[in-house]
């Protein structure tokens, strides 16, 4: 459910609708509405909590650029060229910190684009 749908569901519950009625309105299981009600009563919010763990270094845009560069025809591409391909220039003209070789290798390996010998 989106945050807006959750807000509407909580509003319906506060107005006296049952879990089953709210679940039928959103085409969800009543257990989903029960969990939403329990979550709202403890946190007073319908928003998701932040995910645990370290955030990704590469953005989706950088991963896309990286995969395009790795798929190009011709001779093998070096990590220096991949770093240049994955470096994003922001609208104000500045660049983000370039990703490390290990980060590039992990991103390519997760898409089966490298062999063990490519780590050099």
Protein backbone atom coordinates (compact mmCIF):
# COMPACT_ATOMS: atom_id res chain seq x y z
CA UNK A 1 0.00 0.00 0.00
CA UNK A 2 1.15 3.51 -0.68
CA UNK A 3 1.50 6.02 2.14
CA UNK A 4 -1.62 7.82 0.88
CA UNK A 5 -3.64 4.57 0.90
CA UNK A 6 -2.43 3.84 4.43
CA UNK A 7 -3.51 7.32 5.57
CA UNK A 8 -6.97 6.78 4.07
CA UNK A 9 -7.20 3.33 5.69
CA UNK A 10 -6.33 4.77 9.12
CA UNK A 11 -8.91 7.53 8.59
CA UNK A 12 -11.54 4.89 7.75
CA UNK A 13 -10.59 2.87 10.84
CA UNK A 14 -10.84 5.98 13.04
CA UNK A 15 -14.30 6.67 11.61
CA UNK A 16 -15.45 3.26 12.82
CA UNK A 17 -15.04 0.95 9.82
CA UNK A 18 -14.02 -2.62 10.58
CA UNK A 19 -10.77 -4.21 9.43
CA UNK A 20 -12.73 -6.36 6.97
CA UNK A 21 -14.50 -3.34 5.44
CA UNK A 22 -11.25 -1.43 5.00
CA UNK A 23 -9.55 -4.53 3.58
CA UNK A 24 -12.38 -5.01 1.07
CA UNK A 25 -12.18 -1.34 0.06
CA UNK A 26 -8.45 -1.64 -0.76
CA UNK A 27 -8.68 -5.26 -2.00
CA UNK A 28 -6.24 -6.40 0.71
CA UNK A 29 -6.17 -9.16 3.27
CA UNK A 30 -7.67 -8.18 6.66
CA UNK A 31 -4.36 -9.20 8.28
CA UNK A 32 -2.67 -6.38 6.36
CA UNK A 33 -5.09 -3.86 7.85
CA UNK A 34 -4.62 -5.35 11.34
CA UNK A 35 -0.84 -4.95 11.01
CA UNK A 36 -1.29 -1.40 9.73
CA UNK A 37 -3.52 -0.54 12.70
CA UNK A 38 -0.99 -2.06 15.13
CA UNK A 39 1.90 -0.20 13.48
CA UNK A 40 -0.02 3.08 13.60
CA UNK A 41 -0.96 2.65 17.26
CA UNK A 42 2.69 2.16 18.24
CA UNK A 43 4.40 4.70 15.93
CA UNK A 44 1.59 7.21 15.20
CA UNK A 45 2.79 7.20 11.59
CA UNK A 46 1.99 5.28 8.42
CA UNK A 47 5.39 5.90 6.83
CA UNK A 48 7.97 3.14 6.49
CA UNK A 49 10.96 3.11 8.80
CA UNK A 50 14.37 3.66 7.20
CA UNK A 51 16.02 0.46 6.02
CA UNK A 52 18.97 -0.82 7.98
CA UNK A 53 22.39 -1.23 6.46
CA UNK A 54 24.76 0.88 4.50
CA UNK A 55 23.28 2.74 1.51
CA UNK A 56 24.43 1.85 -2.00
CA UNK A 57 27.39 3.74 -3.41
CA UNK A 58 26.25 3.60 -7.04
CA UNK A 59 22.98 5.18 -8.05
CA UNK A 60 20.71 3.50 -10.61
CA UNK A 61 21.93 6.00 -13.20
CA UNK A 62 25.57 5.12 -12.49
CA UNK A 63 24.83 1.38 -12.67
CA UNK A 64 23.08 1.90 -16.01
CA UNK A 65 26.05 3.85 -17.39
CA UNK A 66 28.43 1.21 -16.08
CA UNK A 67 26.54 -1.66 -17.74
CA UNK A 68 26.36 0.23 -21.04
CA UNK A 69 30.10 0.84 -20.99
CA UNK A 70 30.85 -2.79 -20.10
CA UNK A 71 28.64 -4.07 -22.94
CA UNK A 72 30.24 -1.97 -25.63
CA UNK A 73 31.73 -3.88 -28.58
CA UNK A 74 35.43 -3.91 -29.24
CA UNK A 75 38.47 -4.44 -27.04
CA UNK A 76 38.21 -4.97 -23.31
CA UNK A 77 37.46 -1.94 -21.21
CA UNK A 78 39.71 -0.97 -18.32
CA UNK A 79 38.55 -0.06 -14.84
CA UNK A 80 39.83 3.48 -15.42
CA UNK A 81 37.47 3.79 -18.42
CA UNK A 82 34.63 2.27 -16.39
CA UNK A 83 35.25 4.78 -13.60
CA UNK A 84 35.02 7.62 -16.11
CA UNK A 85 31.81 6.13 -17.55
CA UNK A 86 30.22 5.78 -14.10
CA UNK A 87 31.15 9.29 -12.94
CA UNK A 88 28.09 11.53 -13.00
CA UNK A 89 28.29 15.27 -13.61
CA UNK A 90 25.70 17.14 -11.55
CA UNK A 91 23.69 20.07 -12.98
CA UNK A 92 25.96 22.60 -11.25
CA UNK A 93 29.00 21.14 -13.06
CA UNK A 94 30.52 19.29 -10.12
CA UNK A 95 31.16 15.56 -10.12
CA UNK A 96 30.48 13.03 -7.42
CA UNK A 97 33.35 11.03 -5.96
CA UNK A 98 34.22 8.32 -8.49
CA UNK A 99 33.45 4.74 -7.43
CA UNK A 100 36.31 2.49 -6.40
CA UNK A 101 37.53 -0.44 -8.49
CA UNK A 102 36.12 -2.87 -5.92
CA UNK A 103 32.68 -1.23 -6.17
CA UNK A 104 32.78 -1.43 -9.96
CA UNK A 105 33.84 -5.08 -9.81
CA UNK A 106 31.00 -5.98 -7.41
CA UNK A 107 28.44 -4.17 -9.56
CA UNK A 108 29.60 -5.96 -12.71
CA UNK A 109 29.89 -9.32 -10.97
CA UNK A 110 26.31 -9.08 -9.69
CA UNK A 111 25.22 -8.87 -13.34
CA UNK A 112 27.57 -11.66 -14.49
CA UNK A 113 29.60 -9.25 -16.63
CA UNK A 114 33.06 -10.23 -15.36
CA UNK A 115 35.19 -13.30 -15.02
CA UNK A 116 37.53 -13.87 -12.06
CA UNK A 117 40.51 -12.82 -14.23
CA UNK A 118 38.99 -9.37 -14.82
CA UNK A 119 39.75 -8.14 -11.32
CA UNK A 120 43.14 -6.74 -12.36
